[in-house]
C-alpha atoms as a PDB file:
ATOM      1  CA  MET A   1      15.694  52.468 -46.720  1.00  0.00           C
ATOM      2  CA  GLU A   2      15.841  55.376 -44.271  1.00  0.00           C
ATOM      3  CA  LYS A   3      12.256  54.758 -43.118  1.00  0.00           C
ATOM      4  CA  ASN A   4      13.098  51.143 -42.220  1.00  0.00           C
ATOM      5  CA  SER A   5      16.187  52.264 -40.306  1.00  0.00           C
ATOM      6  CA  LYS A   6      14.178  54.794 -38.302  1.00  0.00           C
ATOM      7  CA  GLU A   7      11.506  52.187 -37.620  1.00  0.00           C
ATOM      8  CA  GLN A   8      14.122  49.745 -36.295  1.00  0.00           C
ATOM      9  CA  GLU A   9      15.668  52.504 -34.198  1.00  0.00           C
ATOM     10  CA  HIS A  10      12.223  53.311 -32.773  1.00  0.00           C
ATOM     11  CA  LYS A  11      11.627  49.625 -31.963  1.00  0.00           C
ATOM     12  CA  ALA A  12      15.029  49.390 -30.261  1.00  0.00           C
ATOM     13  CA  THR A  13      14.332  52.520 -28.205  1.00  0.00           C
ATOM     14  CA  LYS A  14      10.887  51.253 -27.265  1.00  0.00           C
ATOM     15  CA  TRP A  15      12.370  47.880 -26.230  1.00  0.00           C
ATOM     16  CA  PHE A  16      15.034  49.615 -24.138  1.00  0.00           C
ATOM     17  CA  ILE A  17      12.377  51.628 -22.308  1.00  0.00           C
ATOM     18  CA  GLN A  18      10.245  48.531 -21.716  1.00  0.00           C
ATOM     19  CA  VAL A  19      13.173  46.476 -20.402  1.00  0.00           C
ATOM     20  CA  PHE A  20      14.332  49.379 -18.253  1.00  0.00           C
ATOM     21  CA  ALA A  21      10.879  49.779 -16.705  1.00  0.00           C
ATOM     22  CA  ILE A  22      10.361  46.043 -16.166  1.00  0.00           C
ATOM     23  CA  THR A  23      13.793  45.666 -14.593  1.00  0.00           C
ATOM     24  CA  PHE A  24      13.344  48.697 -12.372  1.00  0.00           C
ATOM     25  CA  ILE A  25       9.945  47.588 -11.081  1.00  0.00           C
ATOM     26  CA  LEU A  26      10.932  43.940 -10.585  1.00  0.00           C
ATOM     27  CA  SER A  27      14.154  44.962  -8.844  1.00  0.00           C
ATOM     28  CA  ILE A  28      12.315  47.158  -6.380  1.00  0.00           C
ATOM     29  CA  VAL A  29       9.650  44.546  -5.665  1.00  0.00           C
ATOM     30  CA  PHE A  30      12.027  41.586  -5.329  1.00  0.00           C
ATOM     31  CA  SER A  31      14.628  43.568  -3.378  1.00  0.00           C
ATOM     32  CA  TYR A  32      12.030  44.855  -0.947  1.00  0.00           C
ATOM     33  CA  ILE A  33      10.425  41.469  -0.411  1.00  0.00           C
ATOM     34  CA  SER A  34      13.651  39.515  -0.127  1.00  0.00           C
ATOM     35  CA  THR A  35      15.666  41.910   2.022  1.00  0.00           C
ATOM     36  CA  ASN A  36      12.807  42.708   4.364  1.00  0.00           C
ATOM     37  CA  GLY A  37      11.766  39.086   4.474  1.00  0.00           C
ATOM     38  CA  VAL A  38      15.300  37.789   4.976  1.00  0.00           C
ATOM     39  CA  SER A  39      16.193  40.327   7.633  1.00  0.00           C
ATOM     40  CA  ASN A  40      13.336  38.984   9.786  1.00  0.00           C
ATOM     41  CA  LEU A  41      14.254  35.312   9.327  1.00  0.00           C
ATOM     42  CA  GLY A  42      16.716  33.017  10.986  1.00  0.00           C
ATOM     43  CA  ILE A  43      19.918  31.920   9.283  1.00  0.00           C
ATOM     44  CA  LEU A  44      18.617  28.615   7.867  1.00  0.00           C
ATOM     45  CA  PRO A  45      15.430  30.008   6.256  1.00  0.00           C
ATOM     46  CA  ALA A  46      17.488  32.930   4.919  1.00  0.00           C
ATOM     47  CA  CYS A  47      19.948  30.447   3.395  1.00  0.00           C
ATOM     48  CA  ALA A  48      17.033  28.550   1.835  1.00  0.00           C
ATOM     49  CA  ILE A  49      15.812  31.774   0.205  1.00  0.00           C
ATOM     50  CA  LEU A  50      19.345  32.504  -1.000  1.00  0.00           C
ATOM     51  CA  ILE A  51      19.561  29.054  -2.599  1.00  0.00           C
ATOM     52  CA  LEU A  52      16.148  29.600  -4.219  1.00  0.00           C
ATOM     53  CA  VAL A  53      17.183  32.985  -5.657  1.00  0.00           C
ATOM     54  CA  VAL A  54      20.428  31.540  -7.072  1.00  0.00           C
ATOM     55  CA  ALA A  55      18.515  28.574  -8.539  1.00  0.00           C
ATOM     56  CA  ILE A  56      15.956  30.875 -10.186  1.00  0.00           C
ATOM     57  CA  GLY A  57      18.778  32.911 -11.746  1.00  0.00           C
ATOM     58  CA  ILE A  58      20.397  29.762 -13.130  1.00  0.00           C
ATOM     59  CA  LEU A  59      17.072  28.342 -14.356  1.00  0.00           C
ATOM     60  CA  PHE A  60      16.152  31.495 -16.253  1.00  0.00           C
ATOM     61  CA  ASP A  61      19.631  31.658 -17.752  1.00  0.00           C
ATOM     62  CA  ILE A  62      19.105  28.102 -19.023  1.00  0.00           C
ATOM     63  CA  ILE A  63      15.781  29.113 -20.580  1.00  0.00           C
ATOM     64  CA  GLY A  64      17.365  32.168 -22.202  1.00  0.00           C
ATOM     65  CA  VAL A  65      20.109  30.078 -23.812  1.00  0.00           C
ATOM     66  CA  ALA A  66      17.748  27.267 -24.855  1.00  0.00           C
ATOM     67  CA  VAL A  67      15.448  29.669 -26.673  1.00  0.00           C
ATOM     68  CA  THR A  68      18.339  31.073 -28.698  1.00  0.00           C
ATOM     69  CA  VAL A  69      19.622  27.677 -29.840  1.00  0.00           C
ATOM     70  CA  ALA A  70      16.368  25.725 -30.289  1.00  0.00           C
ATOM     71  CA  ASN A  71      15.297  24.708 -33.787  1.00  0.00           C
ATOM     72  CA  GLU A  72      11.985  26.281 -34.768  1.00  0.00           C
ATOM     73  CA  GLU A  73      11.253  23.677 -37.466  1.00  0.00           C
ATOM     74  CA  GLU A  74      10.884  20.923 -34.878  1.00  0.00           C
ATOM     75  CA  PHE A  75       8.057  22.862 -33.280  1.00  0.00           C
ATOM     76  CA  HIS A  76       6.273  23.469 -36.579  1.00  0.00           C
ATOM     77  CA  ALA A  77       6.057  19.699 -36.992  1.00  0.00           C
ATOM     78  CA  LYS A  78       4.691  19.399 -33.439  1.00  0.00           C
ATOM     79  CA  ALA A  79       2.224  22.238 -34.049  1.00  0.00           C
ATOM     80  CA  THR A  80       0.752  20.461 -37.086  1.00  0.00           C
ATOM     81  CA  LYS A  81       0.150  17.465 -34.807  1.00  0.00           C
ATOM     82  CA  LYS A  82      -1.496  19.788 -32.257  1.00  0.00           C
ATOM     83  CA  VAL A  83       1.111  18.983 -29.581  1.00  0.00           C
ATOM     84  CA  GLU A  84       0.420  21.085 -26.486  1.00  0.00           C
ATOM     85  CA  GLY A  85       2.761  24.029 -26.078  1.00  0.00           C
ATOM     86  CA  SER A  86       4.267  23.853 -29.551  1.00  0.00           C
ATOM     87  CA  LYS A  87       2.733  27.126 -30.770  1.00  0.00           C
ATOM     88  CA  ASP A  88       3.951  28.920 -27.649  1.00  0.00           C
ATOM     89  CA  SER A  89       7.379  27.378 -28.184  1.00  0.00           C
ATOM     90  CA  ILE A  90       7.430  28.795 -31.722  1.00  0.00           C
ATOM     91  CA  LYS A  91       6.574  32.249 -30.348  1.00  0.00           C
ATOM     92  CA  LEU A  92       9.418  31.944 -27.836  1.00  0.00           C
ATOM     93  CA  ILE A  93      11.905  31.058 -30.570  1.00  0.00           C
ATOM     94  CA  LYS A  94      10.663  33.773 -32.934  1.00  0.00           C
ATOM     95  CA  ASN A  95      11.225  36.271 -30.130  1.00  0.00           C
ATOM     96  CA  ALA A  96      14.463  34.643 -28.937  1.00  0.00           C
ATOM     97  CA  PRO A  97      16.494  37.857 -28.515  1.00  0.00           C
ATOM     98  CA  ARG A  98      13.820  39.421 -26.329  1.00  0.00           C
ATOM     99  CA  VAL A  99      13.071  36.233 -24.419  1.00  0.00           C
ATOM    100  CA  ALA A 100      16.779  35.684 -23.772  1.00  0.00           C
ATOM    101  CA  ASN A 101      17.122  39.305 -22.688  1.00  0.00           C
ATOM    102  CA  ILE A 102      14.257  39.003 -20.212  1.00  0.00           C
ATOM    103  CA  CYS A 103      15.303  35.581 -18.893  1.00  0.00           C
ATOM    104  CA  ALA A 104      19.072  35.847 -18.754  1.00  0.00           C
ATOM    105  CA  ASP A 105      19.584  39.570 -18.312  1.00  0.00           C
ATOM    106  CA  VAL A 106      16.564  40.943 -16.495  1.00  0.00           C
ATOM    107  CA  ILE A 107      15.653  38.028 -14.239  1.00  0.00           C
ATOM    108  CA  GLY A 108      19.151  36.551 -14.108  1.00  0.00           C
ATOM    109  CA  ASP A 109      20.796  39.853 -13.194  1.00  0.00           C
ATOM    110  CA  ILE A 110      18.131  40.730 -10.641  1.00  0.00           C
ATOM    111  CA  CYS A 111      18.709  37.342  -9.008  1.00  0.00           C
ATOM    112  CA  GLY A 112      22.447  38.033  -9.027  1.00  0.00           C
ATOM    113  CA  VAL A 113      22.011  41.360  -7.259  1.00  0.00           C
ATOM    114  CA  LEU A 114      19.513  39.862  -4.813  1.00  0.00           C
ATOM    115  CA  SER A 115      21.762  36.943  -3.990  1.00  0.00           C
ATOM    116  CA  GLY A 116      24.555  39.396  -3.211  1.00  0.00           C
ATOM    117  CA  ALA A 117      22.317  41.415  -0.907  1.00  0.00           C
ATOM    118  CA  ILE A 118      20.911  38.317   0.771  1.00  0.00           C
ATOM    119  CA  SER A 119      24.353  36.812   1.278  1.00  0.00           C
ATOM    120  CA  ALA A 120      25.482  40.067   2.896  1.00  0.00           C
ATOM    121  CA  LEU A 121      22.482  39.974   5.250  1.00  0.00           C
ATOM    122  CA  ILE A 122      23.210  36.348   6.113  1.00  0.00           C
ATOM    123  CA  ALA A 123      26.871  37.159   6.768  1.00  0.00           C
ATOM    124  CA  VAL A 124      25.850  39.974   9.126  1.00  0.00           C
ATOM    125  CA  LYS A 125      23.458  37.610  10.950  1.00  0.00           C
ATOM    126  CA  ILE A 126      26.150  34.960  11.332  1.00  0.00           C
ATOM    127  CA  THR A 127      28.803  37.408  12.512  1.00  0.00           C
ATOM    128  CA  GLU A 128      26.414  38.938  15.033  1.00  0.00           C
ATOM    129  CA  GLN A 129      25.134  35.623  16.383  1.00  0.00           C
ATOM    130  CA  LEU A 130      28.508  33.896  16.530  1.00  0.00           C
ATOM    131  CA  GLN A 131      30.501  37.071  17.242  1.00  0.00           C
ATOM    132  CA  MET A 132      32.847  36.306  14.370  1.00  0.00           C
ATOM    133  CA  ASN A 133      35.166  38.341  12.215  1.00  0.00           C
ATOM    134  CA  SER A 134      33.317  40.408   9.593  1.00  0.00           C
ATOM    135  CA  ASN A 135      35.443  38.950   6.756  1.00  0.00           C
ATOM    136  CA  LEU A 136      32.807  36.243   6.466  1.00  0.00           C
ATOM    137  CA  GLN A 137      30.837  38.570   4.175  1.00  0.00           C
ATOM    138  CA  PHE A 138      33.594  38.454   1.544  1.00  0.00           C
ATOM    139  CA  VAL A 139      33.884  34.687   1.728  1.00  0.00           C
ATOM    140  CA  LEU A 140      30.115  34.179   1.530  1.00  0.00           C
ATOM    141  CA  SER A 141      29.784  36.622  -1.396  1.00  0.00           C
ATOM    142  CA  ALA A 142      32.603  34.849  -3.242  1.00  0.00           C
ATOM    143  CA  LEU A 143      30.985  31.472  -2.568  1.00  0.00           C
ATOM    144  CA  VAL A 144      27.584  32.641  -3.851  1.00  0.00           C
ATOM    145  CA  SER A 145      29.179  34.202  -6.943  1.00  0.00           C
ATOM    146  CA  SER A 146      31.125  31.020  -7.660  1.00  0.00           C
ATOM    147  CA  ILE A 147      28.049  28.838  -7.308  1.00  0.00           C
ATOM    148  CA  THR A 148      26.048  31.175  -9.546  1.00  0.00           C
ATOM    149  CA  VAL A 149      28.668  31.390 -12.297  1.00  0.00           C
ATOM    150  CA  GLY A 150      29.428  27.668 -12.102  1.00  0.00           C
ATOM    151  CA  GLY A 151      25.731  26.837 -12.162  1.00  0.00           C
ATOM    152  CA  LYS A 152      25.198  29.044 -15.190  1.00  0.00           C
ATOM    153  CA  ALA A 153      28.157  27.423 -16.964  1.00  0.00           C
ATOM    154  CA  ILE A 154      26.691  23.971 -16.376  1.00  0.00           C
ATOM    155  CA  GLY A 155      23.261  25.346 -17.291  1.00  0.00           C
ATOM    156  CA  LYS A 156      24.504  26.572 -20.654  1.00  0.00           C
ATOM    157  CA  GLU A 157      25.731  23.062 -21.463  1.00  0.00           C
ATOM    158  CA  ILE A 158      22.354  21.637 -20.438  1.00  0.00           C
ATOM    159  CA  ALA A 159      20.526  24.269 -22.501  1.00  0.00           C
ATOM    160  CA  ASN A 160      22.624  23.574 -25.592  1.00  0.00           C
ATOM    161  CA  LYS A 161      22.095  19.817 -25.373  1.00  0.00           C
ATOM    162  CA  ASN A 162      18.395  19.913 -24.433  1.00  0.00           C
ATOM    163  CA  ALA A 163      17.134  23.114 -26.056  1.00  0.00           C
ATOM    164  CA  THR A 164      14.103  21.512 -27.699  1.00  0.00           C
ATOM    165  CA  ASN A 165      12.903  19.844 -24.502  1.00  0.00           C
ATOM    166  CA  ILE A 166      13.482  22.978 -22.409  1.00  0.00           C
ATOM    167  CA  VAL A 167      11.694  25.294 -24.832  1.00  0.00           C
ATOM    168  CA  HIS A 168       8.830  22.822 -25.192  1.00  0.00           C
ATOM    169  CA  PHE A 169       8.500  22.560 -21.402  1.00  0.00           C
ATOM    170  CA  VAL A 170       8.335  26.368 -21.127  1.00  0.00           C
ATOM    171  CA  GLY A 171       5.893  26.447 -24.037  1.00  0.00           C
ATOM    172  CA  LYS A 172       3.627  23.980 -22.220  1.00  0.00           C
ATOM    173  CA  ILE A 173       3.734  26.118 -19.072  1.00  0.00           C
ATOM    174  CA  LEU A 174       2.868  29.242 -21.068  1.00  0.00           C
ATOM    175  CA  ASN A 175       0.040  27.357 -22.757  1.00  0.00           C
ATOM    176  CA  LYS A 176      -1.433  26.335 -19.391  1.00  0.00           C
ATOM    177  CA  VAL A 177      -1.014  29.840 -17.976  1.00  0.00           C
ATOM    178  CA  LYS A 178      -2.883  31.307 -20.964  1.00  0.00           C
ATOM    179  CA  LYS A 179      -5.791  28.952 -20.397  1.00  0.00           C
END
């Protein structure tokens, strides 16, 4: 019994280190690219990037939820019929806690931090160009946060109602990427 407990503790520690490293590296890369890229752009392209970052965060949150609620048995039936992406969908579901952690926490949280930084850069650009009050940053940050949280709330409903289709779509993409 004690050996199994230590093995699980080792797996949990190993997973923590992996997630920490992945998050750290992705955060640096995405932060560098987005903040340096956005700081050199005009307001409209910067807003387009902000919308893209928020959308990616919401999309990956949807995937994370869908994987945790999808029914594995449906994919076993599809796998016996050799339906494309069904085996990858099964792998996603079998690893649901990790997949959800990567999608919703790692990618979702990175997008949340990035959207905050990008919205601050956009607010600075607007206040400088239009010589406005600097309180715009607070309003823009609140707006971005509200859109993100609202989008994720709607996304969770979508993920719960369409989990099988979402997981199968991701499974098909993974299948094509592997090939």
